Structures are given as C-alpha cells and as structure tokens.
C-alpha cells in the first residue's frame, strides 16, 4: 500500500515545505493579519465592529484547525502581554475587563472549526464555504455575548440577556453577513488561482 502526501489546506499548497520553523512563521503571520484587520474599526458601544472576524476566518481556513487555533491563541496572549494589536491599537491585561474580550476568546475555537472544515475541503466550493464561514462566524458570539453581559454586570450595568443580545449580536448581523460572504468566496477563488498556477507550471 502506498502513502500519498496530503496537503489539505491552502497554506500547505502555497508553502510546499513544511517544517517547525515554517509552521511557527505561519502561526505568527496569521496573528499579525488579525491584528492589522482589528484596526479596521467602526466604533460602537459596547463592542466596536472590526475586521477581526474576517481575519480570523481567513486565517483559520488557510492554516487549518491546529495552526489556526494556535494563531488566535498567539494573538490573544501577545495582546494580553502588551502587543498593541487589539482594536484601536490597544493591548495589555486590562483588555480582560473590556466587554469585547469574550469575542477574542471565541476566535480560538472559531479558527479551529473553520480550519477543520477546510481540512475536509469545505473551503474549495462556494456553497460549502458559505456554510463553513457561517458556522464559524457564530462561534465568537457564543463566548462574546455572555462575557460582555458579565463584564457590564460587574461594572454595575446589568443589561440582562436580551440587552446583551441587542448590544452584542444584533448590530453585527449585517456586517457579519458581508464579511461571511466575502470570506466564503475568497477561499474558493484562491484555490482556483493556486490550481491554475500549478497547472501552468507543469505544462
């Protein structure tokens, strides 16, 4: 029986040689991408709309489950120790007490889930990519909304579950759908581009 080398995600097709150093570089690059997109921000209270979630989805889908999750863990940990790449160039342990920090926690499982689905080749066809990005896009809200509610309650502003959903989910629906669809169509196009380049290189 022969063993066939499988390159399940986009990063493995672009970076042909896999090594520990390469994987560390990819994880760091993914964290940097999210940090840069976090500065694309529309200020809202209590949580701003940023490009972070689009970055999380693209990084997770491109790197795969483990590297995607590690990239988001790196983003969170380095931000907490002071790297100013959270929204509005902020960082430090004080971020833990911000209403938006729960979303950052949710980036880790979100990147893992979309990375896992990409390893199953959901990122190569538009309809499956739409489903993958949609599923993963909801995950940060599962941690973000309750966390925001808790932080505000600790600060003496208990807005209740309905208020938390109204403040931490509802305003992001339209922007989230736009980012969701943008990401869902970007990955299949990227795969087509890579496959085309591979086919022309072998001619």
N, C-alpha and C. Protein backbone atom coordinates (compact mmCIF):
# COMPACT_ATOMS: atom_id res chain seq x y z
N UNK A 1 0.86 -1.20 0.00
CA UNK A 1 0.00 0.00 0.00
C UNK A 1 0.88 1.24 0.00
N UNK A 2 0.60 2.18 -0.86
CA UNK A 2 1.38 3.40 -0.96
C UNK A 2 0.77 4.49 -0.11
N UNK A 3 1.63 5.37 0.37
CA UNK A 3 1.19 6.51 1.17
C UNK A 3 1.23 7.76 0.32
N UNK A 4 0.13 8.46 0.26
CA UNK A 4 0.04 9.67 -0.55
C UNK A 4 0.11 10.88 0.37
N UNK A 5 1.01 11.81 0.07
CA UNK A 5 1.12 13.02 0.88
C UNK A 5 -0.09 13.91 0.61
N UNK A 6 -0.75 14.31 1.66
CA UNK A 6 -1.95 15.13 1.55
C UNK A 6 -1.64 16.54 2.01
N UNK A 7 -2.03 17.52 1.21
CA UNK A 7 -1.88 18.93 1.60
C UNK A 7 -3.28 19.50 1.70
N UNK A 8 -3.88 19.43 2.90
CA UNK A 8 -5.32 19.67 3.00
C UNK A 8 -5.76 21.12 2.99
N UNK A 9 -4.87 22.06 3.30
CA UNK A 9 -5.31 23.45 3.37
C UNK A 9 -4.46 24.33 2.46
N UNK A 10 -4.94 25.54 2.26
CA UNK A 10 -4.32 26.44 1.28
C UNK A 10 -2.86 26.74 1.61
N UNK A 11 -2.56 26.94 2.88
CA UNK A 11 -1.18 27.25 3.26
C UNK A 11 -0.21 26.16 2.83
N UNK A 12 -0.65 24.91 2.89
CA UNK A 12 0.22 23.80 2.51
C UNK A 12 0.44 23.72 1.01
N UNK A 13 -0.48 24.27 0.24
CA UNK A 13 -0.29 24.32 -1.21
C UNK A 13 0.62 25.47 -1.61
N UNK A 14 0.56 26.56 -0.84
CA UNK A 14 1.39 27.73 -1.15
C UNK A 14 2.81 27.53 -0.64
N UNK A 15 2.92 27.06 0.61
CA UNK A 15 4.23 26.81 1.22
C UNK A 15 4.48 25.31 1.14
N UNK A 16 5.27 24.90 0.20
CA UNK A 16 5.39 23.48 -0.11
C UNK A 16 6.18 22.71 0.95
N UNK A 17 7.14 23.35 1.57
CA UNK A 17 7.99 22.64 2.52
C UNK A 17 7.51 22.91 3.94
N UNK A 18 7.05 21.87 4.60
CA UNK A 18 6.55 22.00 5.96
C UNK A 18 7.67 21.70 6.95
N UNK A 19 7.85 22.57 7.92
CA UNK A 19 8.83 22.39 8.99
C UNK A 19 8.33 23.12 10.22
N UNK A 20 8.98 22.88 11.34
CA UNK A 20 8.59 23.58 12.56
C UNK A 20 8.72 25.08 12.39
N UNK A 21 9.83 25.51 11.78
CA UNK A 21 10.04 26.94 11.57
C UNK A 21 8.97 27.54 10.66
N UNK A 22 8.61 26.80 9.62
CA UNK A 22 7.57 27.27 8.71
C UNK A 22 6.23 27.40 9.42
N UNK A 23 5.89 26.41 10.22
CA UNK A 23 4.62 26.45 10.94
C UNK A 23 4.58 27.59 11.95
N UNK A 24 5.69 27.83 12.64
CA UNK A 24 5.75 28.96 13.58
C UNK A 24 5.56 30.27 12.83
N UNK A 25 6.21 30.39 11.67
CA UNK A 25 6.07 31.61 10.87
C UNK A 25 4.63 31.80 10.40
N UNK A 26 3.97 30.73 9.99
CA UNK A 26 2.58 30.83 9.54
C UNK A 26 1.66 31.22 10.69
N UNK A 27 1.87 30.64 11.86
CA UNK A 27 1.07 30.99 13.04
C UNK A 27 1.25 32.46 13.39
N UNK A 28 2.50 32.92 13.38
CA UNK A 28 2.76 34.33 13.68
C UNK A 28 2.18 35.26 12.64
N UNK A 29 2.28 34.87 11.37
CA UNK A 29 1.72 35.70 10.31
C UNK A 29 0.21 35.79 10.43
N UNK A 30 -0.43 34.68 10.80
CA UNK A 30 -1.88 34.70 10.99
C UNK A 30 -2.30 35.64 12.10
N UNK A 31 -1.57 35.61 13.21
CA UNK A 31 -1.86 36.53 14.32
C UNK A 31 -1.69 37.98 13.88
N UNK A 32 -0.65 38.24 13.08
CA UNK A 32 -0.41 39.60 12.60
C UNK A 32 -1.53 40.08 11.68
N UNK A 33 -2.01 39.20 10.82
CA UNK A 33 -3.11 39.57 9.92
C UNK A 33 -4.34 40.00 10.72
N UNK A 34 -4.67 39.23 11.75
CA UNK A 34 -5.83 39.58 12.58
C UNK A 34 -5.58 40.88 13.33
N UNK A 35 -4.35 41.07 13.81
CA UNK A 35 -4.01 42.31 14.49
C UNK A 35 -4.15 43.53 13.59
N UNK A 36 -3.77 43.39 12.34
CA UNK A 36 -3.91 44.50 11.40
C UNK A 36 -5.37 44.77 11.07
N UNK A 37 -6.13 43.71 10.82
CA UNK A 37 -7.55 43.89 10.49
C UNK A 37 -8.36 44.39 11.68
N UNK A 38 -7.85 44.17 12.90
CA UNK A 38 -8.54 44.70 14.08
C UNK A 38 -8.57 46.22 14.10
N UNK A 39 -7.65 46.83 13.36
CA UNK A 39 -7.60 48.30 13.34
C UNK A 39 -8.58 48.89 12.33
N UNK A 40 -9.18 48.04 11.50
CA UNK A 40 -10.27 48.48 10.63
C UNK A 40 -11.53 48.44 11.47
N UNK A 41 -11.92 49.58 12.01
CA UNK A 41 -12.91 49.58 13.08
C UNK A 41 -13.97 50.66 12.90
N UNK A 42 -15.21 50.28 13.22
CA UNK A 42 -16.31 51.24 13.32
C UNK A 42 -16.69 51.31 14.80
N UNK A 43 -16.42 52.44 15.47
CA UNK A 43 -16.65 52.50 16.91
C UNK A 43 -18.12 52.44 17.28
N UNK A 44 -18.48 51.42 18.04
CA UNK A 44 -19.82 51.28 18.62
C UNK A 44 -19.68 50.92 20.09
N UNK A 45 -20.71 51.21 20.89
CA UNK A 45 -20.70 50.80 22.29
C UNK A 45 -21.67 49.64 22.45
N UNK A 46 -21.31 48.62 23.23
CA UNK A 46 -20.08 48.45 24.00
C UNK A 46 -18.98 47.72 23.23
N UNK A 47 -19.27 47.27 22.01
CA UNK A 47 -18.31 46.50 21.23
C UNK A 47 -18.20 47.11 19.84
N UNK A 48 -16.98 47.48 19.39
CA UNK A 48 -16.84 48.05 18.04
C UNK A 48 -16.94 46.98 16.97
N UNK A 49 -17.34 47.39 15.77
CA UNK A 49 -17.30 46.49 14.61
C UNK A 49 -15.91 46.59 14.00
N UNK A 50 -15.23 45.46 13.85
CA UNK A 50 -13.87 45.47 13.30
C UNK A 50 -13.73 44.42 12.20
N UNK A 51 -12.56 44.44 11.56
CA UNK A 51 -12.25 43.44 10.56
C UNK A 51 -11.67 42.16 11.15
N UNK A 52 -11.61 42.09 12.49
CA UNK A 52 -11.00 40.93 13.14
C UNK A 52 -11.63 39.61 12.72
N UNK A 53 -12.95 39.56 12.75
CA UNK A 53 -13.60 38.27 12.50
C UNK A 53 -13.33 37.76 11.09
N UNK A 54 -13.27 38.67 10.11
CA UNK A 54 -12.92 38.26 8.75
C UNK A 54 -11.51 37.67 8.75
N UNK A 55 -10.59 38.35 9.45
CA UNK A 55 -9.23 37.84 9.55
C UNK A 55 -9.17 36.47 10.20
N UNK A 56 -9.93 36.30 11.27
CA UNK A 56 -9.95 35.00 11.97
C UNK A 56 -10.40 33.89 11.03
N UNK A 57 -11.47 34.15 10.28
CA UNK A 57 -11.99 33.13 9.38
C UNK A 57 -11.00 32.80 8.26
N UNK A 58 -10.39 33.83 7.68
CA UNK A 58 -9.44 33.60 6.60
C UNK A 58 -8.20 32.87 7.11
N UNK A 59 -7.71 33.27 8.27
CA UNK A 59 -6.52 32.64 8.85
C UNK A 59 -6.81 31.18 9.19
N UNK A 60 -7.94 30.93 9.86
CA UNK A 60 -8.28 29.56 10.22
C UNK A 60 -8.44 28.67 9.00
N UNK A 61 -9.14 29.17 7.99
CA UNK A 61 -9.36 28.39 6.77
C UNK A 61 -8.06 28.13 6.02
N UNK A 62 -7.17 29.11 6.02
CA UNK A 62 -5.91 28.98 5.29
C UNK A 62 -4.91 28.08 5.99
N UNK A 63 -4.87 28.16 7.32
CA UNK A 63 -3.85 27.41 8.08
C UNK A 63 -4.31 26.04 8.54
N UNK A 64 -5.62 25.81 8.63
CA UNK A 64 -6.11 24.56 9.18
C UNK A 64 -6.41 24.68 10.66
N UNK A 65 -6.97 23.61 11.23
CA UNK A 65 -7.50 23.66 12.59
C UNK A 65 -6.45 23.99 13.64
N UNK A 66 -5.39 23.20 13.73
CA UNK A 66 -4.41 23.38 14.81
C UNK A 66 -3.64 24.68 14.68
N UNK A 67 -3.12 24.95 13.49
CA UNK A 67 -2.34 26.17 13.32
C UNK A 67 -3.23 27.41 13.41
N UNK A 68 -4.46 27.29 12.91
CA UNK A 68 -5.38 28.42 13.03
C UNK A 68 -5.69 28.75 14.47
N UNK A 69 -6.00 27.72 15.28
CA UNK A 69 -6.28 27.95 16.69
C UNK A 69 -5.05 28.47 17.42
N UNK A 70 -3.87 27.92 17.12
CA UNK A 70 -2.64 28.41 17.74
C UNK A 70 -2.36 29.85 17.37
N UNK A 71 -2.69 30.22 16.14
CA UNK A 71 -2.50 31.60 15.70
C UNK A 71 -3.37 32.55 16.50
N UNK A 72 -4.62 32.17 16.75
CA UNK A 72 -5.51 33.02 17.53
C UNK A 72 -5.14 33.03 19.01
N UNK A 73 -4.63 31.91 19.52
CA UNK A 73 -4.12 31.89 20.89
C UNK A 73 -2.92 32.81 21.02
N UNK A 74 -2.05 32.79 20.01
CA UNK A 74 -0.90 33.70 19.99
C UNK A 74 -1.35 35.15 19.97
N UNK A 75 -2.33 35.44 19.14
CA UNK A 75 -2.88 36.80 19.07
C UNK A 75 -3.39 37.25 20.43
N UNK A 76 -4.15 36.39 21.10
CA UNK A 76 -4.72 36.76 22.40
C UNK A 76 -3.64 36.93 23.46
N UNK A 77 -2.73 35.97 23.56
CA UNK A 77 -1.71 36.01 24.62
C UNK A 77 -0.77 37.19 24.44
N UNK A 78 -0.28 37.40 23.21
CA UNK A 78 0.63 38.53 22.98
C UNK A 78 -0.08 39.86 23.20
N UNK A 79 -1.36 39.92 22.84
CA UNK A 79 -2.12 41.14 23.12
C UNK A 79 -2.22 41.40 24.61
N UNK A 80 -2.42 40.34 25.40
CA UNK A 80 -2.54 40.49 26.85
C UNK A 80 -1.23 40.91 27.50
N UNK A 81 -0.10 40.49 26.91
CA UNK A 81 1.18 40.89 27.49
C UNK A 81 1.65 42.25 26.99
N UNK A 82 0.86 42.88 26.11
CA UNK A 82 1.15 44.26 25.77
C UNK A 82 1.30 44.62 24.31
N UNK A 83 1.30 43.64 23.41
CA UNK A 83 1.38 43.98 21.99
C UNK A 83 0.10 44.73 21.60
N UNK A 84 0.21 45.95 21.09
CA UNK A 84 -0.98 46.79 20.86
C UNK A 84 -1.69 46.47 19.55
N UNK A 85 -2.22 45.26 19.45
CA UNK A 85 -2.89 44.89 18.20
C UNK A 85 -4.34 44.46 18.40
N UNK A 86 -4.89 44.70 19.60
CA UNK A 86 -6.33 44.62 19.73
C UNK A 86 -6.94 45.86 19.08
N UNK A 87 -8.25 45.95 19.02
CA UNK A 87 -8.91 47.07 18.37
C UNK A 87 -8.40 48.41 18.89
N UNK A 88 -8.21 49.36 17.97
CA UNK A 88 -7.72 50.70 18.29
C UNK A 88 -6.33 50.69 18.92
N UNK A 89 -5.48 49.76 18.46
CA UNK A 89 -4.09 49.67 18.90
C UNK A 89 -3.97 49.57 20.42
N UNK A 90 -4.80 48.75 21.02
CA UNK A 90 -4.75 48.54 22.46
C UNK A 90 -4.17 47.16 22.77
N UNK A 91 -3.76 46.98 24.00
CA UNK A 91 -3.23 45.71 24.46
C UNK A 91 -3.04 45.77 25.97
N UNK A 92 -2.60 44.67 26.56
CA UNK A 92 -2.38 44.63 27.99
C UNK A 92 -3.47 43.87 28.72
N UNK A 93 -3.19 43.54 29.98
CA UNK A 93 -4.12 42.74 30.79
C UNK A 93 -5.45 43.43 31.03
N UNK A 94 -5.47 44.76 30.92
CA UNK A 94 -6.72 45.49 31.12
C UNK A 94 -7.79 45.08 30.11
N UNK A 95 -7.36 44.49 28.99
CA UNK A 95 -8.32 44.06 27.96
C UNK A 95 -9.29 43.01 28.50
N UNK A 96 -8.87 42.26 29.51
CA UNK A 96 -9.73 41.22 30.08
C UNK A 96 -11.02 41.80 30.62
N UNK A 97 -10.97 43.03 31.10
CA UNK A 97 -12.15 43.65 31.68
C UNK A 97 -12.93 44.49 30.67
N UNK A 98 -12.59 44.38 29.40
CA UNK A 98 -13.36 45.08 28.37
C UNK A 98 -14.50 44.18 27.90
N UNK A 99 -15.65 44.76 27.59
CA UNK A 99 -16.79 43.94 27.15
C UNK A 99 -16.51 43.11 25.90
N UNK A 100 -15.55 43.55 25.10
CA UNK A 100 -15.29 42.87 23.83
C UNK A 100 -14.35 41.68 23.95
N UNK A 101 -13.75 41.45 25.12
CA UNK A 101 -12.71 40.42 25.21
C UNK A 101 -13.25 39.01 24.99
N UNK A 102 -14.50 38.79 25.32
CA UNK A 102 -15.08 37.46 25.11
C UNK A 102 -15.08 37.03 23.66
N UNK A 103 -15.17 38.00 22.76
CA UNK A 103 -15.12 37.68 21.33
C UNK A 103 -13.73 37.17 20.96
N UNK A 104 -12.70 37.78 21.54
CA UNK A 104 -11.33 37.36 21.27
C UNK A 104 -11.12 35.92 21.74
N UNK A 105 -11.67 35.58 22.90
CA UNK A 105 -11.61 34.20 23.37
C UNK A 105 -12.26 33.26 22.34
N UNK A 106 -13.38 33.69 21.80
CA UNK A 106 -14.10 32.88 20.83
C UNK A 106 -13.39 32.72 19.50
N UNK A 107 -12.41 33.58 19.22
CA UNK A 107 -11.66 33.45 17.97
C UNK A 107 -10.92 32.12 17.91
N UNK A 108 -10.50 31.61 19.06
CA UNK A 108 -9.70 30.38 19.08
C UNK A 108 -10.51 29.18 18.59
N UNK A 109 -11.67 28.88 19.20
CA UNK A 109 -12.46 27.77 18.66
C UNK A 109 -13.02 28.05 17.26
N UNK A 110 -13.29 29.32 16.94
CA UNK A 110 -13.80 29.65 15.61
C UNK A 110 -12.76 29.29 14.54
N UNK A 111 -11.50 29.65 14.79
CA UNK A 111 -10.44 29.33 13.84
C UNK A 111 -10.25 27.82 13.73
N UNK A 112 -10.38 27.13 14.86
CA UNK A 112 -10.24 25.67 14.83
C UNK A 112 -11.34 25.04 13.98
N UNK A 113 -12.58 25.48 14.19
CA UNK A 113 -13.71 24.88 13.48
C UNK A 113 -13.61 25.11 11.99
N UNK A 114 -13.35 26.35 11.58
CA UNK A 114 -13.28 26.60 10.13
C UNK A 114 -12.04 25.95 9.54
N UNK A 115 -10.97 25.85 10.34
CA UNK A 115 -9.79 25.14 9.87
C UNK A 115 -10.07 23.66 9.67
N UNK A 116 -10.81 23.08 10.60
CA UNK A 116 -11.18 21.66 10.48
C UNK A 116 -12.04 21.43 9.24
N UNK A 117 -13.01 22.31 9.02
CA UNK A 117 -13.87 22.17 7.85
C UNK A 117 -13.08 22.36 6.55
N UNK A 118 -12.09 23.24 6.59
CA UNK A 118 -11.23 23.43 5.41
C UNK A 118 -10.39 22.20 5.15
N UNK A 119 -9.97 21.53 6.22
CA UNK A 119 -9.24 20.28 6.04
C UNK A 119 -10.12 19.20 5.40
N UNK A 120 -11.42 19.37 5.53
CA UNK A 120 -12.38 18.48 4.86
C UNK A 120 -12.77 19.03 3.49
N UNK A 121 -12.05 20.07 3.04
CA UNK A 121 -12.21 20.67 1.71
C UNK A 121 -13.50 21.46 1.54
N UNK A 122 -14.07 21.94 2.63
CA UNK A 122 -15.25 22.79 2.53
C UNK A 122 -14.91 24.16 1.95
N UNK A 123 -13.65 24.55 1.98
CA UNK A 123 -13.26 25.88 1.51
C UNK A 123 -13.03 25.93 0.00
N UNK A 124 -13.22 24.82 -0.69
CA UNK A 124 -12.90 24.78 -2.11
C UNK A 124 -14.10 25.01 -3.02
N UNK A 125 -15.30 24.86 -2.46
CA UNK A 125 -16.52 25.08 -3.25
C UNK A 125 -17.38 26.13 -2.56
N UNK A 126 -17.92 27.08 -3.33
CA UNK A 126 -18.62 28.23 -2.73
C UNK A 126 -19.72 27.86 -1.75
N UNK A 127 -20.57 26.90 -2.07
CA UNK A 127 -21.69 26.60 -1.17
C UNK A 127 -21.22 26.01 0.15
N UNK A 128 -20.25 25.10 0.08
CA UNK A 128 -19.70 24.55 1.32
C UNK A 128 -18.93 25.61 2.09
N UNK A 129 -18.24 26.49 1.37
CA UNK A 129 -17.50 27.57 2.03
C UNK A 129 -18.45 28.52 2.75
N UNK A 130 -19.59 28.81 2.13
CA UNK A 130 -20.59 29.66 2.78
C UNK A 130 -21.05 29.02 4.09
N UNK A 131 -21.30 27.71 4.06
CA UNK A 131 -21.72 27.01 5.27
C UNK A 131 -20.62 27.04 6.33
N UNK A 132 -19.38 26.78 5.91
CA UNK A 132 -18.26 26.75 6.86
C UNK A 132 -18.05 28.11 7.52
N UNK A 133 -18.04 29.16 6.71
CA UNK A 133 -17.84 30.50 7.25
C UNK A 133 -19.01 30.92 8.13
N UNK A 134 -20.22 30.50 7.74
CA UNK A 134 -21.39 30.84 8.56
C UNK A 134 -21.34 30.19 9.92
N UNK A 135 -21.01 28.90 9.96
CA UNK A 135 -20.92 28.18 11.23
C UNK A 135 -19.85 28.80 12.13
N UNK A 136 -18.66 29.00 11.57
CA UNK A 136 -17.55 29.51 12.37
C UNK A 136 -17.78 30.96 12.81
N UNK A 137 -18.47 31.74 11.98
CA UNK A 137 -18.70 33.15 12.32
C UNK A 137 -19.58 33.32 13.55
N UNK A 138 -20.41 32.32 13.84
CA UNK A 138 -21.30 32.41 15.01
C UNK A 138 -20.58 32.13 16.32
N UNK A 139 -19.47 31.41 16.26
CA UNK A 139 -18.81 30.95 17.49
C UNK A 139 -18.35 32.10 18.40
N UNK A 140 -17.71 33.16 17.87
CA UNK A 140 -17.31 34.24 18.78
C UNK A 140 -18.46 34.87 19.56
N UNK A 141 -19.66 34.83 18.98
CA UNK A 141 -20.81 35.38 19.70
C UNK A 141 -21.22 34.50 20.88
N UNK A 142 -20.97 33.20 20.78
CA UNK A 142 -21.32 32.29 21.87
C UNK A 142 -20.51 32.57 23.12
N UNK A 143 -19.30 33.08 22.94
CA UNK A 143 -18.49 33.49 24.09
C UNK A 143 -18.59 34.99 24.34
N UNK A 144 -18.70 35.75 23.26
CA UNK A 144 -18.66 37.20 23.38
C UNK A 144 -19.86 37.82 24.07
N UNK A 145 -21.06 37.36 23.72
CA UNK A 145 -22.27 37.96 24.31
C UNK A 145 -22.36 37.69 25.81
N UNK A 146 -22.21 36.44 26.29
CA UNK A 146 -22.25 36.21 27.74
C UNK A 146 -21.13 36.94 28.48
N UNK A 147 -19.94 36.99 27.88
CA UNK A 147 -18.81 37.67 28.52
C UNK A 147 -19.09 39.15 28.67
N UNK A 148 -19.61 39.76 27.60
CA UNK A 148 -19.96 41.18 27.65
C UNK A 148 -20.99 41.45 28.73
N UNK A 149 -21.99 40.61 28.79
CA UNK A 149 -23.04 40.73 29.81
C UNK A 149 -22.43 40.67 31.21
N UNK A 150 -21.52 39.71 31.43
CA UNK A 150 -20.89 39.57 32.74
C UNK A 150 -20.03 40.75 33.12
N UNK A 151 -19.23 41.25 32.16
CA UNK A 151 -18.36 42.39 32.45
C UNK A 151 -19.18 43.63 32.77
N UNK A 152 -20.22 43.88 32.00
CA UNK A 152 -21.07 45.04 32.26
C UNK A 152 -21.79 44.89 33.60
N UNK A 153 -22.21 43.68 33.94
CA UNK A 153 -22.87 43.45 35.23
C UNK A 153 -21.92 43.72 36.38
N UNK A 154 -20.66 43.29 36.24
CA UNK A 154 -19.66 43.56 37.28
C UNK A 154 -19.42 45.05 37.45
N UNK A 155 -19.58 45.79 36.36
CA UNK A 155 -19.39 47.24 36.42
C UNK A 155 -20.65 47.96 36.90
N UNK A 156 -21.68 47.19 37.26
CA UNK A 156 -22.91 47.79 37.77
C UNK A 156 -23.92 48.14 36.70
N UNK A 157 -23.74 47.60 35.50
CA UNK A 157 -24.65 47.89 34.39
C UNK A 157 -25.20 46.58 33.84
N UNK A 158 -26.07 45.94 34.60
CA UNK A 158 -26.63 44.65 34.19
C UNK A 158 -27.75 44.87 33.18
N UNK A 159 -27.43 44.63 31.92
CA UNK A 159 -28.40 44.90 30.86
C UNK A 159 -29.28 43.70 30.56
N UNK A 160 -29.03 42.57 31.23
CA UNK A 160 -29.84 41.38 31.02
C UNK A 160 -29.48 40.66 29.72
N UNK A 161 -29.98 39.44 29.58
CA UNK A 161 -29.66 38.65 28.40
C UNK A 161 -30.18 39.31 27.13
N UNK A 162 -31.41 39.81 27.17
CA UNK A 162 -31.97 40.47 25.99
C UNK A 162 -31.16 41.68 25.59
N UNK A 163 -30.75 42.46 26.58
CA UNK A 163 -29.93 43.63 26.30
C UNK A 163 -28.57 43.25 25.76
N UNK A 164 -28.01 42.14 26.28
CA UNK A 164 -26.70 41.69 25.80
C UNK A 164 -26.78 41.25 24.35
N UNK A 165 -27.85 40.55 24.00
CA UNK A 165 -28.02 40.14 22.60
C UNK A 165 -28.22 41.35 21.70
N UNK A 166 -29.02 42.31 22.19
CA UNK A 166 -29.27 43.53 21.40
C UNK A 166 -28.01 44.34 21.19
N UNK A 167 -27.12 44.36 22.20
CA UNK A 167 -25.90 45.16 22.10
C UNK A 167 -24.74 44.39 21.49
N UNK A 168 -24.70 43.07 21.72
CA UNK A 168 -23.52 42.31 21.34
C UNK A 168 -23.69 41.37 20.17
N UNK A 169 -24.90 41.30 19.62
CA UNK A 169 -25.12 40.44 18.46
C UNK A 169 -25.86 41.15 17.33
N UNK A 170 -27.01 41.73 17.66
CA UNK A 170 -27.87 42.33 16.63
C UNK A 170 -27.16 43.36 15.76
N UNK A 171 -26.35 44.30 16.33
CA UNK A 171 -25.72 45.31 15.46
C UNK A 171 -24.72 44.74 14.47
N UNK A 172 -24.29 43.51 14.70
CA UNK A 172 -23.24 42.93 13.86
C UNK A 172 -23.78 42.01 12.77
N UNK A 173 -25.09 41.87 12.69
CA UNK A 173 -25.66 40.90 11.75
C UNK A 173 -25.34 41.26 10.30
N UNK A 174 -25.62 42.50 9.91
CA UNK A 174 -25.40 42.88 8.50
C UNK A 174 -23.92 42.85 8.16
N UNK A 175 -23.10 43.49 8.99
CA UNK A 175 -21.66 43.48 8.74
C UNK A 175 -21.09 42.07 8.77
N UNK A 176 -21.63 41.24 9.68
CA UNK A 176 -21.16 39.87 9.76
C UNK A 176 -21.49 39.08 8.52
N UNK A 177 -22.67 39.29 7.97
CA UNK A 177 -23.05 38.59 6.74
C UNK A 177 -22.15 39.00 5.58
N UNK A 178 -21.84 40.30 5.50
CA UNK A 178 -20.95 40.79 4.44
C UNK A 178 -19.58 40.14 4.55
N UNK A 179 -19.01 40.13 5.77
CA UNK A 179 -17.69 39.52 5.97
C UNK A 179 -17.74 38.01 5.74
N UNK A 180 -18.83 37.41 6.16
CA UNK A 180 -19.03 35.96 5.98
C UNK A 180 -19.00 35.61 4.49
N UNK A 181 -19.77 36.33 3.67
CA UNK A 181 -19.82 36.04 2.25
C UNK A 181 -18.51 36.39 1.55
N UNK A 182 -17.89 37.49 1.98
CA UNK A 182 -16.60 37.88 1.40
C UNK A 182 -15.57 36.79 1.60
N UNK A 183 -15.48 36.30 2.83
CA UNK A 183 -14.54 35.22 3.11
C UNK A 183 -14.89 33.94 2.39
N UNK A 184 -16.19 33.64 2.33
CA UNK A 184 -16.63 32.39 1.73
C UNK A 184 -16.35 32.32 0.24
N UNK A 185 -16.30 33.46 -0.43
CA UNK A 185 -15.99 33.46 -1.85
C UNK A 185 -14.50 33.68 -2.12
N UNK A 186 -13.78 34.24 -1.15
CA UNK A 186 -12.35 34.47 -1.33
C UNK A 186 -11.58 33.16 -1.38
N UNK A 187 -11.90 32.23 -0.49
CA UNK A 187 -11.14 30.98 -0.42
C UNK A 187 -11.30 30.11 -1.67
N UNK A 188 -12.51 29.87 -2.18
CA UNK A 188 -12.61 29.10 -3.43
C UNK A 188 -11.87 29.77 -4.59
N UNK A 189 -11.92 31.10 -4.66
CA UNK A 189 -11.19 31.81 -5.71
C UNK A 189 -9.68 31.63 -5.55
N UNK A 190 -9.22 31.67 -4.30
CA UNK A 190 -7.80 31.46 -4.04
C UNK A 190 -7.37 30.06 -4.46
N UNK A 191 -8.21 29.07 -4.18
CA UNK A 191 -7.91 27.71 -4.61
C UNK A 191 -7.85 27.60 -6.13
N UNK A 192 -8.78 28.26 -6.81
CA UNK A 192 -8.76 28.24 -8.27
C UNK A 192 -7.47 28.85 -8.80
N UNK A 193 -7.06 29.95 -8.16
CA UNK A 193 -5.82 30.60 -8.58
C UNK A 193 -4.61 29.71 -8.38
N UNK A 194 -4.53 29.06 -7.23
CA UNK A 194 -3.41 28.16 -6.94
C UNK A 194 -3.41 26.97 -7.89
N UNK A 195 -4.57 26.39 -8.13
CA UNK A 195 -4.66 25.25 -9.05
C UNK A 195 -4.28 25.65 -10.48
N UNK A 196 -4.68 26.87 -10.87
CA UNK A 196 -4.32 27.35 -12.21
C UNK A 196 -2.81 27.52 -12.33
N UNK A 197 -2.20 28.12 -11.32
CA UNK A 197 -0.75 28.31 -11.36
C UNK A 197 -0.02 26.98 -11.38
N UNK A 198 -0.54 26.01 -10.63
CA UNK A 198 0.08 24.68 -10.63
C UNK A 198 -0.03 24.03 -12.00
N UNK A 199 -1.19 24.19 -12.64
CA UNK A 199 -1.38 23.55 -13.94
C UNK A 199 -0.51 24.19 -15.01
N UNK A 200 -0.34 25.50 -14.96
CA UNK A 200 0.51 26.17 -15.95
C UNK A 200 1.99 25.87 -15.71
N UNK A 201 2.36 25.65 -14.44
CA UNK A 201 3.76 25.36 -14.13
C UNK A 201 4.18 23.99 -14.62
N UNK A 202 3.22 23.08 -14.76
CA UNK A 202 3.55 21.72 -15.19
C UNK A 202 3.51 21.55 -16.70
N UNK A 203 3.08 22.60 -17.41
CA UNK A 203 3.00 22.49 -18.87
C UNK A 203 4.36 22.74 -19.49
